[in-house]
């Protein structure tokens, strides 16, 4: 397979995105809990931007979205932050570095807006964790999801952050990254915040 092209997601892409997501869920169990309305799950909570990977046959084979995280109302003003969410690549398109390409597209969007990025990884997710860490993401803590696995058991989460780098800066203090990662993110009640890209 030739490397698929990346472009912004269009409203007309949603059926193809759901078909790709269904394949990923069948093979990998992502999302952990299949959404009652997968079209809505991909559209909400109103992503700031979303991209798809499209193969030569115009089939959607990958997806990522970025959701803005509002500043805490009662807290001090902070850095702009957005959450990377809904990242997946279908099995037939793996091995082409699409997961990394989709993450890079999100990072370019964030860098242009001086925005830090965060994400959550549910459960094991060793391949996804390796991808993030190779790409410069840092694990800044762990926690338990406010939603449960299909069998009702608790789900452990790993919190990752990627700080926007202004020219001449060399990263965020760990305490800042941990504080940012502890903010309630829009998709944390989604029942499947991990990714499937291996």
Protein backbone atom coordinates (compact mmCIF):
# COMPACT_ATOMS: atom_id res chain seq x y z
CA UNK A 1 0.00 0.00 0.00
CA UNK A 2 1.27 3.47 -0.88
CA UNK A 3 1.37 5.93 1.97
CA UNK A 4 -2.10 7.45 2.39
CA UNK A 5 -2.60 11.20 2.12
CA UNK A 6 -3.52 13.29 5.16
CA UNK A 7 -6.14 16.02 4.97
CA UNK A 8 -8.70 17.78 7.13
CA UNK A 9 -11.76 15.73 7.94
CA UNK A 10 -14.92 16.72 6.10
CA UNK A 11 -18.52 16.16 7.19
CA UNK A 12 -18.86 13.68 4.32
CA UNK A 13 -16.01 11.60 5.79
CA UNK A 14 -17.93 10.51 8.89
CA UNK A 15 -19.41 7.30 7.43
CA UNK A 16 -15.93 6.22 6.31
CA UNK A 17 -14.48 7.14 9.70
CA UNK A 18 -17.11 5.04 11.47
CA UNK A 19 -16.39 2.08 9.16
CA UNK A 20 -12.67 2.37 9.94
CA UNK A 21 -13.37 2.74 13.65
CA UNK A 22 -15.58 -0.40 13.60
CA UNK A 23 -12.72 -2.39 12.09
CA UNK A 24 -10.28 -1.08 14.69
CA UNK A 25 -12.76 -1.88 17.48
CA UNK A 26 -13.22 -5.43 16.15
CA UNK A 27 -9.46 -6.07 15.94
CA UNK A 28 -8.09 -4.03 18.85
CA UNK A 29 -10.99 -3.23 21.15
CA UNK A 30 -10.64 0.52 20.62
CA UNK A 31 -12.62 2.31 21.76
CA UNK A 32 -12.91 0.15 24.83
CA UNK A 33 -16.66 0.82 24.97
CA UNK A 34 -18.31 1.05 21.56
CA UNK A 35 -20.24 4.35 21.50
CA UNK A 36 -24.02 4.32 21.20
CA UNK A 37 -23.67 6.88 18.39
CA UNK A 38 -20.22 6.56 16.79
CA UNK A 39 -20.85 9.46 14.39
CA UNK A 40 -21.50 11.73 17.35
CA UNK A 41 -18.52 10.27 19.29
CA UNK A 42 -16.24 11.30 16.41
CA UNK A 43 -17.84 14.75 16.02
CA UNK A 44 -17.96 15.72 19.68
CA UNK A 45 -17.12 17.41 21.85
CA UNK A 46 -16.75 19.82 18.93
CA UNK A 47 -13.15 19.22 17.90
CA UNK A 48 -11.06 22.25 17.10
CA UNK A 49 -9.70 20.28 14.18
CA UNK A 50 -9.72 16.70 12.85
CA UNK A 51 -7.75 14.98 10.12
CA UNK A 52 -8.04 11.73 8.19
CA UNK A 53 -5.63 9.50 6.32
CA UNK A 54 -7.07 8.48 2.94
CA UNK A 55 -5.70 5.71 0.70
CA UNK A 56 -5.56 5.68 -3.11
CA UNK A 57 -9.13 4.31 -3.25
CA UNK A 58 -10.41 7.26 -1.15
CA UNK A 59 -10.97 4.92 1.82
CA UNK A 60 -10.42 6.38 5.29
CA UNK A 61 -7.64 4.42 6.99
CA UNK A 62 -6.71 6.74 9.88
CA UNK A 63 -8.05 9.56 12.01
CA UNK A 64 -7.09 12.03 14.73
CA UNK A 65 -8.85 14.98 16.36
CA UNK A 66 -7.77 17.84 18.60
CA UNK A 67 -10.17 19.14 21.25
CA UNK A 68 -9.61 22.44 23.02
CA UNK A 69 -9.53 22.28 26.83
CA UNK A 70 -10.98 25.39 28.48
CA UNK A 71 -9.01 27.04 31.26
CA UNK A 72 -10.27 26.39 34.75
CA UNK A 73 -12.72 29.11 35.74
CA UNK A 74 -11.42 29.48 39.28
CA UNK A 75 -7.73 28.89 38.54
CA UNK A 76 -4.95 31.15 37.35
CA UNK A 77 -4.71 31.82 33.62
CA UNK A 78 -2.61 29.11 32.02
CA UNK A 79 -1.15 28.09 28.75
CA UNK A 80 -3.50 27.15 25.93
CA UNK A 81 -4.03 23.39 25.97
CA UNK A 82 -5.74 20.94 23.64
CA UNK A 83 -6.33 17.20 23.83
CA UNK A 84 -5.36 14.75 21.10
CA UNK A 85 -8.22 12.26 20.80
CA UNK A 86 -9.84 9.68 18.52
CA UNK A 87 -6.48 8.54 17.09
CA UNK A 88 -6.69 5.28 15.17
CA UNK A 89 -5.24 3.55 12.12
CA UNK A 90 -6.88 0.52 10.50
CA UNK A 91 -4.83 -2.71 10.56
CA UNK A 92 -4.18 -2.85 6.80
CA UNK A 93 -2.53 0.61 6.90
CA UNK A 94 -0.17 -0.05 9.79
CA UNK A 95 3.57 -0.09 9.32
CA UNK A 96 3.41 3.11 7.23
CA UNK A 97 4.07 5.48 10.16
CA UNK A 98 0.54 6.89 9.87
CA UNK A 99 0.09 7.16 13.62
CA UNK A 100 3.18 9.32 13.82
CA UNK A 101 2.10 11.37 10.78
CA UNK A 102 -1.31 12.05 12.33
CA UNK A 103 0.30 13.04 15.64
CA UNK A 104 2.67 15.35 13.75
CA UNK A 105 -0.28 17.01 12.01
CA UNK A 106 -1.84 17.69 15.42
CA UNK A 107 1.50 19.01 16.71
CA UNK A 108 1.87 21.38 13.74
CA UNK A 109 -1.63 22.71 14.40
CA UNK A 110 -0.76 23.24 18.08
CA UNK A 111 2.61 24.87 17.40
CA UNK A 112 1.01 27.43 15.09
CA UNK A 113 -1.34 28.35 17.94
CA UNK A 114 1.18 28.20 20.81
CA UNK A 115 -0.89 25.40 22.31
CA UNK A 116 0.27 22.52 24.51
CA UNK A 117 -1.11 19.04 23.85
CA UNK A 118 -2.26 16.33 26.24
CA UNK A 119 -3.70 12.87 25.74
CA UNK A 120 -4.76 9.83 27.72
CA UNK A 121 -3.89 6.20 27.11
CA UNK A 122 -6.16 3.55 28.59
CA UNK A 123 -5.06 0.12 29.74
CA UNK A 124 -1.94 -1.58 28.40
CA UNK A 125 -1.40 0.25 25.13
CA UNK A 126 2.33 -0.59 24.92
CA UNK A 127 2.59 0.13 21.18
CA UNK A 128 0.81 3.47 21.53
CA UNK A 129 2.96 4.41 24.55
CA UNK A 130 6.11 3.65 22.54
CA UNK A 131 4.86 5.79 19.65
CA UNK A 132 4.17 8.76 21.93
CA UNK A 133 7.46 8.52 23.74
CA UNK A 134 9.44 8.28 20.47
CA UNK A 135 7.61 11.42 19.32
CA UNK A 136 8.63 13.37 22.44
CA UNK A 137 5.51 12.98 24.57
CA UNK A 138 6.07 12.59 28.33
CA UNK A 139 4.02 10.46 30.69
CA UNK A 140 3.21 12.80 33.56
CA UNK A 141 1.01 10.60 35.71
CA UNK A 142 -1.59 7.91 35.99
CA UNK A 143 -5.15 7.75 37.20
CA UNK A 144 -8.44 5.90 37.01
CA UNK A 145 -11.00 6.77 34.34
CA UNK A 146 -14.40 8.11 35.41
CA UNK A 147 -15.92 5.41 33.16
CA UNK A 148 -15.54 1.63 33.32
CA UNK A 149 -14.63 -1.21 30.99
CA UNK A 150 -17.46 -3.24 29.39
CA UNK A 151 -17.29 -5.73 32.29
CA UNK A 152 -17.66 -2.90 34.84
CA UNK A 153 -14.04 -3.00 35.99
CA UNK A 154 -12.05 0.21 36.53
CA UNK A 155 -9.83 1.46 33.70
CA UNK A 156 -6.36 2.82 34.40
CA UNK A 157 -5.16 5.81 32.40
CA UNK A 158 -1.72 7.16 31.62
CA UNK A 159 -1.56 10.93 31.07
CA UNK A 160 0.81 12.30 28.43
CA UNK A 161 1.78 15.84 27.54
CA UNK A 162 3.66 17.54 24.73
CA UNK A 163 4.47 21.14 25.45
CA UNK A 164 4.52 23.72 22.70
CA UNK A 165 8.05 24.92 22.20
CA UNK A 166 8.57 28.58 21.58
CA UNK A 167 11.87 29.47 19.92
CA UNK A 168 14.63 29.19 22.51
CA UNK A 169 12.58 27.26 25.09
CA UNK A 170 13.46 23.78 26.27
CA UNK A 171 10.21 22.37 27.69
CA UNK A 172 7.89 22.68 30.65
CA UNK A 173 8.60 22.06 34.30
CA UNK A 174 7.16 18.70 35.31
CA UNK A 175 4.83 20.34 37.83
CA UNK A 176 3.22 22.46 35.11
CA UNK A 177 2.75 19.44 32.88
CA UNK A 178 1.22 17.41 35.73
CA UNK A 179 -1.16 20.24 36.64
CA UNK A 180 -2.27 20.52 33.01
CA UNK A 181 -2.72 16.76 32.65
CA UNK A 182 -4.92 16.66 35.74
CA UNK A 183 -7.51 19.02 34.22
CA UNK A 184 -10.77 17.35 33.26
CA UNK A 185 -10.61 16.76 29.52
CA UNK A 186 -13.60 16.83 27.25
CA UNK A 187 -13.34 13.23 26.09
CA UNK A 188 -12.50 11.61 29.41
CA UNK A 189 -16.02 10.29 29.75
CA UNK A 190 -15.86 8.74 26.31
CA UNK A 191 -15.24 5.23 27.53
CA UNK A 192 -12.24 4.73 25.29
CA UNK A 193 -9.55 7.37 25.32
CA UNK A 194 -6.75 5.08 24.28
CA UNK A 195 -5.54 4.90 20.73
CA UNK A 196 -5.08 2.11 18.24
CA UNK A 197 -2.20 2.71 15.92
CA UNK A 198 0.22 -0.21 16.25
